[in-house]
Amino acid sequence: MNLNATLFAQFVVFFVLALFTMKFVWPPLMKALDERAAKIADGLAAAERGKSDLAIAEKRAQAEVAAAQEAGQKRISDAEARGQSIIDEAKKTASEEAARIIAAAKADADQQVTQVREALRDQVATLAVKGAEQILKREVNAAAHADLLNQLKTEL
């Protein structure tokens, strides 16, 4: 009976130990394992969210880069168009200024031609009078014949 009692005692101790373990040790151990599994699951879910957030951020960054490049190209084309309009405006202004200078030069040339004609008429009239003096061998009174000289100027 000694063997049976020992076995029975071992069985009772084992049963008490199993009950103690199931009642006091097993629940906290299972709780710790469940918490660890939850943390791992949360970590994996966060990693997946991080991957998707990273993909979204990369797409957004690519869209921003594309938008910035497009805006840069638009600014360049706007600047080129503005530069061309400034050049065209400068050409127009220069053309108008050239036309104005040419018109002023023509007017000045016409005025000088008129002055030269008047001076030439005066000289021709004087030469005609001197020639007439030479022919007649007498001096002609210029004051007395002013109307005649004026008529001669207009004819020339």
C-alpha atoms as a PDB file:
ATOM      1  CA  MET A   1       0.000   0.000   0.000  1.00  0.00           C
ATOM      2  CA  ASN A   2       2.831   2.105   0.295  1.00  0.00           C
ATOM      3  CA  LEU A   3       3.200   2.281  -3.460  1.00  0.00           C
ATOM      4  CA  ASN A   4      -0.487   2.977  -3.964  1.00  0.00           C
ATOM      5  CA  ALA A   5      -0.451   5.648  -1.288  1.00  0.00           C
ATOM      6  CA  THR A   6       2.621   7.215  -2.822  1.00  0.00           C
ATOM      7  CA  LEU A   7       1.046   7.120  -6.236  1.00  0.00           C
ATOM      8  CA  PHE A   8      -2.165   8.459  -4.826  1.00  0.00           C
ATOM      9  CA  ALA A   9      -0.273  11.205  -3.012  1.00  0.00           C
ATOM     10  CA  GLN A  10       1.629  12.058  -6.185  1.00  0.00           C
ATOM     11  CA  PHE A  11      -1.646  12.061  -8.073  1.00  0.00           C
ATOM     12  CA  VAL A  12      -3.223  14.408  -5.522  1.00  0.00           C
ATOM     13  CA  VAL A  13      -0.151  16.704  -5.559  1.00  0.00           C
ATOM     14  CA  PHE A  14      -0.161  16.684  -9.345  1.00  0.00           C
ATOM     15  CA  PHE A  15      -3.882  17.394  -9.408  1.00  0.00           C
ATOM     16  CA  VAL A  16      -3.514  20.219  -6.835  1.00  0.00           C
ATOM     17  CA  LEU A  17      -0.562  21.613  -8.806  1.00  0.00           C
ATOM     18  CA  ALA A  18      -2.577  21.383 -12.050  1.00  0.00           C
ATOM     19  CA  LEU A  19      -5.540  23.107 -10.379  1.00  0.00           C
ATOM     20  CA  PHE A  20      -3.270  25.775  -8.885  1.00  0.00           C
ATOM     21  CA  THR A  21      -1.593  26.285 -12.253  1.00  0.00           C
ATOM     22  CA  MET A  22      -4.932  26.432 -14.082  1.00  0.00           C
ATOM     23  CA  LYS A  23      -6.425  28.801 -11.493  1.00  0.00           C
ATOM     24  CA  PHE A  24      -3.517  31.183 -10.753  1.00  0.00           C
ATOM     25  CA  VAL A  25      -0.672  30.731 -13.239  1.00  0.00           C
ATOM     26  CA  TRP A  26      -2.443  29.911 -16.496  1.00  0.00           C
ATOM     27  CA  PRO A  27      -4.793  32.978 -16.713  1.00  0.00           C
ATOM     28  CA  PRO A  28      -2.021  35.615 -16.334  1.00  0.00           C
ATOM     29  CA  LEU A  29       0.202  33.636 -18.699  1.00  0.00           C
ATOM     30  CA  MET A  30      -2.621  33.427 -21.272  1.00  0.00           C
ATOM     31  CA  LYS A  31      -3.373  37.113 -20.724  1.00  0.00           C
ATOM     32  CA  ALA A  32       0.278  37.987 -21.369  1.00  0.00           C
ATOM     33  CA  LEU A  33       0.317  35.798 -24.505  1.00  0.00           C
ATOM     34  CA  ASP A  34      -2.950  37.361 -25.722  1.00  0.00           C
ATOM     35  CA  GLU A  35      -1.590  40.870 -25.073  1.00  0.00           C
ATOM     36  CA  ARG A  36       1.614  39.994 -26.929  1.00  0.00           C
ATOM     37  CA  ALA A  37      -0.408  38.586 -29.844  1.00  0.00           C
ATOM     38  CA  ALA A  38      -2.559  41.752 -29.862  1.00  0.00           C
ATOM     39  CA  LYS A  39       0.586  43.927 -29.862  1.00  0.00           C
ATOM     40  CA  ILE A  40       2.022  41.906 -32.722  1.00  0.00           C
ATOM     41  CA  ALA A  41      -1.263  42.172 -34.634  1.00  0.00           C
ATOM     42  CA  ASP A  42      -1.384  45.918 -33.955  1.00  0.00           C
ATOM     43  CA  GLY A  43       2.229  46.239 -35.108  1.00  0.00           C
ATOM     44  CA  LEU A  44       1.483  44.341 -38.316  1.00  0.00           C
ATOM     45  CA  ALA A  45      -1.629  46.438 -38.913  1.00  0.00           C
ATOM     46  CA  ALA A  46       0.395  49.611 -38.276  1.00  0.00           C
ATOM     47  CA  ALA A  47       3.057  48.372 -40.684  1.00  0.00           C
ATOM     48  CA  GLU A  48       0.376  47.792 -43.332  1.00  0.00           C
ATOM     49  CA  ARG A  49      -1.093  51.230 -42.655  1.00  0.00           C
ATOM     50  CA  GLY A  50       2.419  52.646 -42.876  1.00  0.00           C
ATOM     51  CA  LYS A  51       2.955  50.938 -46.229  1.00  0.00           C
ATOM     52  CA  SER A  52      -0.333  52.237 -47.577  1.00  0.00           C
ATOM     53  CA  ASP A  53       0.371  55.713 -46.144  1.00  0.00           C
ATOM     54  CA  LEU A  54       3.819  55.598 -47.729  1.00  0.00           C
ATOM     55  CA  ALA A  55       2.325  54.626 -51.092  1.00  0.00           C
ATOM     56  CA  ILE A  56      -0.229  57.430 -50.790  1.00  0.00           C
ATOM     57  CA  ALA A  57       2.491  59.888 -49.777  1.00  0.00           C
ATOM     58  CA  GLU A  58       4.657  58.803 -52.719  1.00  0.00           C
ATOM     59  CA  LYS A  59       1.744  59.295 -55.114  1.00  0.00           C
ATOM     60  CA  ARG A  60       1.013  62.667 -53.561  1.00  0.00           C
ATOM     61  CA  ALA A  61       4.688  63.633 -53.808  1.00  0.00           C
ATOM     62  CA  GLN A  62       4.782  62.557 -57.451  1.00  0.00           C
ATOM     63  CA  ALA A  63       1.632  64.589 -58.109  1.00  0.00           C
ATOM     64  CA  GLU A  64       3.184  67.606 -56.367  1.00  0.00           C
ATOM     65  CA  VAL A  65       6.394  67.231 -58.381  1.00  0.00           C
ATOM     66  CA  ALA A  66       4.381  66.944 -61.603  1.00  0.00           C
ATOM     67  CA  ALA A  67       2.303  69.975 -60.632  1.00  0.00           C
ATOM     68  CA  ALA A  68       5.463  71.945 -59.784  1.00  0.00           C
ATOM     69  CA  GLN A  69       7.035  70.972 -63.112  1.00  0.00           C
ATOM     70  CA  GLU A  70       3.869  71.945 -64.940  1.00  0.00           C
ATOM     71  CA  ALA A  71       3.722  75.251 -63.082  1.00  0.00           C
ATOM     72  CA  GLY A  72       7.384  75.845 -63.873  1.00  0.00           C
ATOM     73  CA  GLN A  73       6.805  75.117 -67.554  1.00  0.00           C
ATOM     74  CA  LYS A  74       3.788  77.419 -67.539  1.00  0.00           C
ATOM     75  CA  ARG A  75       5.827  80.201 -65.937  1.00  0.00           C
ATOM     76  CA  ILE A  76       8.587  79.673 -68.490  1.00  0.00           C
ATOM     77  CA  SER A  77       6.122  79.801 -71.380  1.00  0.00           C
ATOM     78  CA  ASP A  78       4.430  82.872 -69.843  1.00  0.00           C
ATOM     79  CA  ALA A  79       7.827  84.538 -69.463  1.00  0.00           C
ATOM     80  CA  GLU A  80       8.720  83.680 -73.059  1.00  0.00           C
ATOM     81  CA  ALA A  81       5.384  85.059 -74.264  1.00  0.00           C
ATOM     82  CA  ARG A  82       5.866  88.201 -72.168  1.00  0.00           C
ATOM     83  CA  GLY A  83       9.400  88.573 -73.514  1.00  0.00           C
ATOM     84  CA  GLN A  84       8.128  88.214 -77.072  1.00  0.00           C
ATOM     85  CA  SER A  85       5.401  90.789 -76.440  1.00  0.00           C
ATOM     86  CA  ILE A  86       8.004  93.173 -74.984  1.00  0.00           C
ATOM     87  CA  ILE A  87      10.182  92.629 -78.059  1.00  0.00           C
ATOM     88  CA  ASP A  88       7.203  93.208 -80.367  1.00  0.00           C
ATOM     89  CA  GLU A  89       6.244  96.318 -78.422  1.00  0.00           C
ATOM     90  CA  ALA A  90       9.825  97.593 -78.596  1.00  0.00           C
ATOM     91  CA  LYS A  91       9.894  96.931 -82.349  1.00  0.00           C
ATOM     92  CA  LYS A  92       6.608  98.799 -82.758  1.00  0.00           C
ATOM     93  CA  THR A  93       7.867 101.702 -80.649  1.00  0.00           C
ATOM     94  CA  ALA A  94      11.140 101.771 -82.583  1.00  0.00           C
ATOM     95  CA  SER A  95       9.245 101.676 -85.882  1.00  0.00           C
ATOM     96  CA  GLU A  96       7.005 104.548 -84.764  1.00  0.00           C
ATOM     97  CA  GLU A  97      10.034 106.494 -83.562  1.00  0.00           C
ATOM     98  CA  ALA A  98      11.815 105.844 -86.872  1.00  0.00           C
ATOM     99  CA  ALA A  99       8.756 107.015 -88.802  1.00  0.00           C
ATOM    100  CA  ARG A 100       8.584 110.132 -86.633  1.00  0.00           C
ATOM    101  CA  ILE A 101      12.294 110.827 -87.146  1.00  0.00           C
ATOM    102  CA  ILE A 102      11.957 110.252 -90.900  1.00  0.00           C
ATOM    103  CA  ALA A 103       8.928 112.580 -91.051  1.00  0.00           C
ATOM    104  CA  ALA A 104      10.815 115.226 -89.076  1.00  0.00           C
ATOM    105  CA  ALA A 105      13.840 114.809 -91.350  1.00  0.00           C
ATOM    106  CA  LYS A 106      11.621 115.134 -94.441  1.00  0.00           C
ATOM    107  CA  ALA A 107       9.965 118.218 -93.017  1.00  0.00           C
ATOM    108  CA  ASP A 108      13.386 119.665 -92.172  1.00  0.00           C
ATOM    109  CA  ALA A 109      14.670 118.786 -95.653  1.00  0.00           C
ATOM    110  CA  ASP A 110      11.585 120.395 -97.251  1.00  0.00           C
ATOM    111  CA  GLN A 111      12.126 123.489 -95.128  1.00  0.00           C
ATOM    112  CA  GLN A 112      15.795 123.635 -96.103  1.00  0.00           C
ATOM    113  CA  VAL A 113      14.886 123.155 -99.777  1.00  0.00           C
ATOM    114  CA  THR A 114      12.408 126.018 -99.480  1.00  0.00           C
ATOM    115  CA  GLN A 115      15.042 128.209 -97.805  1.00  0.00           C
ATOM    116  CA  VAL A 116      17.610 127.327-100.467  1.00  0.00           C
ATOM    117  CA  ARG A 117      15.076 128.098-103.211  1.00  0.00           C
ATOM    118  CA  GLU A 118      14.327 131.455-101.615  1.00  0.00           C
ATOM    119  CA  ALA A 119      18.036 132.205-101.311  1.00  0.00           C
ATOM    120  CA  LEU A 120      18.588 131.070-104.896  1.00  0.00           C
ATOM    121  CA  ARG A 121      15.700 133.264-106.103  1.00  0.00           C
ATOM    122  CA  ASP A 122      17.230 136.221-104.267  1.00  0.00           C
ATOM    123  CA  GLN A 123      20.612 135.497-105.831  1.00  0.00           C
ATOM    124  CA  VAL A 124      19.140 135.042-109.317  1.00  0.00           C
ATOM    125  CA  ALA A 125      17.169 138.264-108.929  1.00  0.00           C
ATOM    126  CA  THR A 126      20.302 140.068-107.803  1.00  0.00           C
ATOM    127  CA  LEU A 127      22.273 138.578-110.683  1.00  0.00           C
ATOM    128  CA  ALA A 128      19.531 139.557-113.118  1.00  0.00           C
ATOM    129  CA  VAL A 129      19.572 143.096-111.820  1.00  0.00           C
ATOM    130  CA  LYS A 130      23.375 143.222-112.032  1.00  0.00           C
ATOM    131  CA  GLY A 131      23.210 141.737-115.507  1.00  0.00           C
ATOM    132  CA  ALA A 132      20.657 144.342-116.499  1.00  0.00           C
ATOM    133  CA  GLU A 133      22.914 147.044-115.016  1.00  0.00           C
ATOM    134  CA  GLN A 134      25.774 145.746-117.018  1.00  0.00           C
ATOM    135  CA  ILE A 135      23.690 145.673-120.141  1.00  0.00           C
ATOM    136  CA  LEU A 136      22.244 149.100-119.624  1.00  0.00           C
ATOM    137  CA  LYS A 137      25.406 150.494-118.119  1.00  0.00           C
ATOM    138  CA  ARG A 138      23.451 152.260-115.543  1.00  0.00           C
ATOM    139  CA  GLU A 139      22.336 151.417-112.056  1.00  0.00           C
ATOM    140  CA  VAL A 140      18.827 150.255-111.500  1.00  0.00           C
ATOM    141  CA  ASN A 141      17.086 151.514-108.366  1.00  0.00           C
ATOM    142  CA  ALA A 142      16.147 148.390-106.386  1.00  0.00           C
ATOM    143  CA  ALA A 143      13.653 150.226-104.173  1.00  0.00           C
ATOM    144  CA  ALA A 144      11.833 151.629-107.155  1.00  0.00           C
ATOM    145  CA  HIS A 145      11.628 148.319-108.864  1.00  0.00           C
ATOM    146  CA  ALA A 146      10.774 146.128-105.807  1.00  0.00           C
ATOM    147  CA  ASP A 147       7.476 145.024-107.285  1.00  0.00           C
ATOM    148  CA  LEU A 148       9.239 144.015-110.457  1.00  0.00           C
ATOM    149  CA  LEU A 149      11.841 142.046-108.458  1.00  0.00           C
ATOM    150  CA  ASN A 150       9.172 140.271-106.364  1.00  0.00           C
ATOM    151  CA  GLN A 151       7.335 139.318-109.547  1.00  0.00           C
ATOM    152  CA  LEU A 152      10.590 137.975-110.916  1.00  0.00           C
ATOM    153  CA  LYS A 153      11.183 135.942-107.705  1.00  0.00           C
ATOM    154  CA  THR A 154       7.790 134.308-107.937  1.00  0.00           C
ATOM    155  CA  GLU A 155       8.339 133.406-111.542  1.00  0.00           C
ATOM    156  CA  LEU A 156      11.643 131.749-110.710  1.00  0.00           C
END
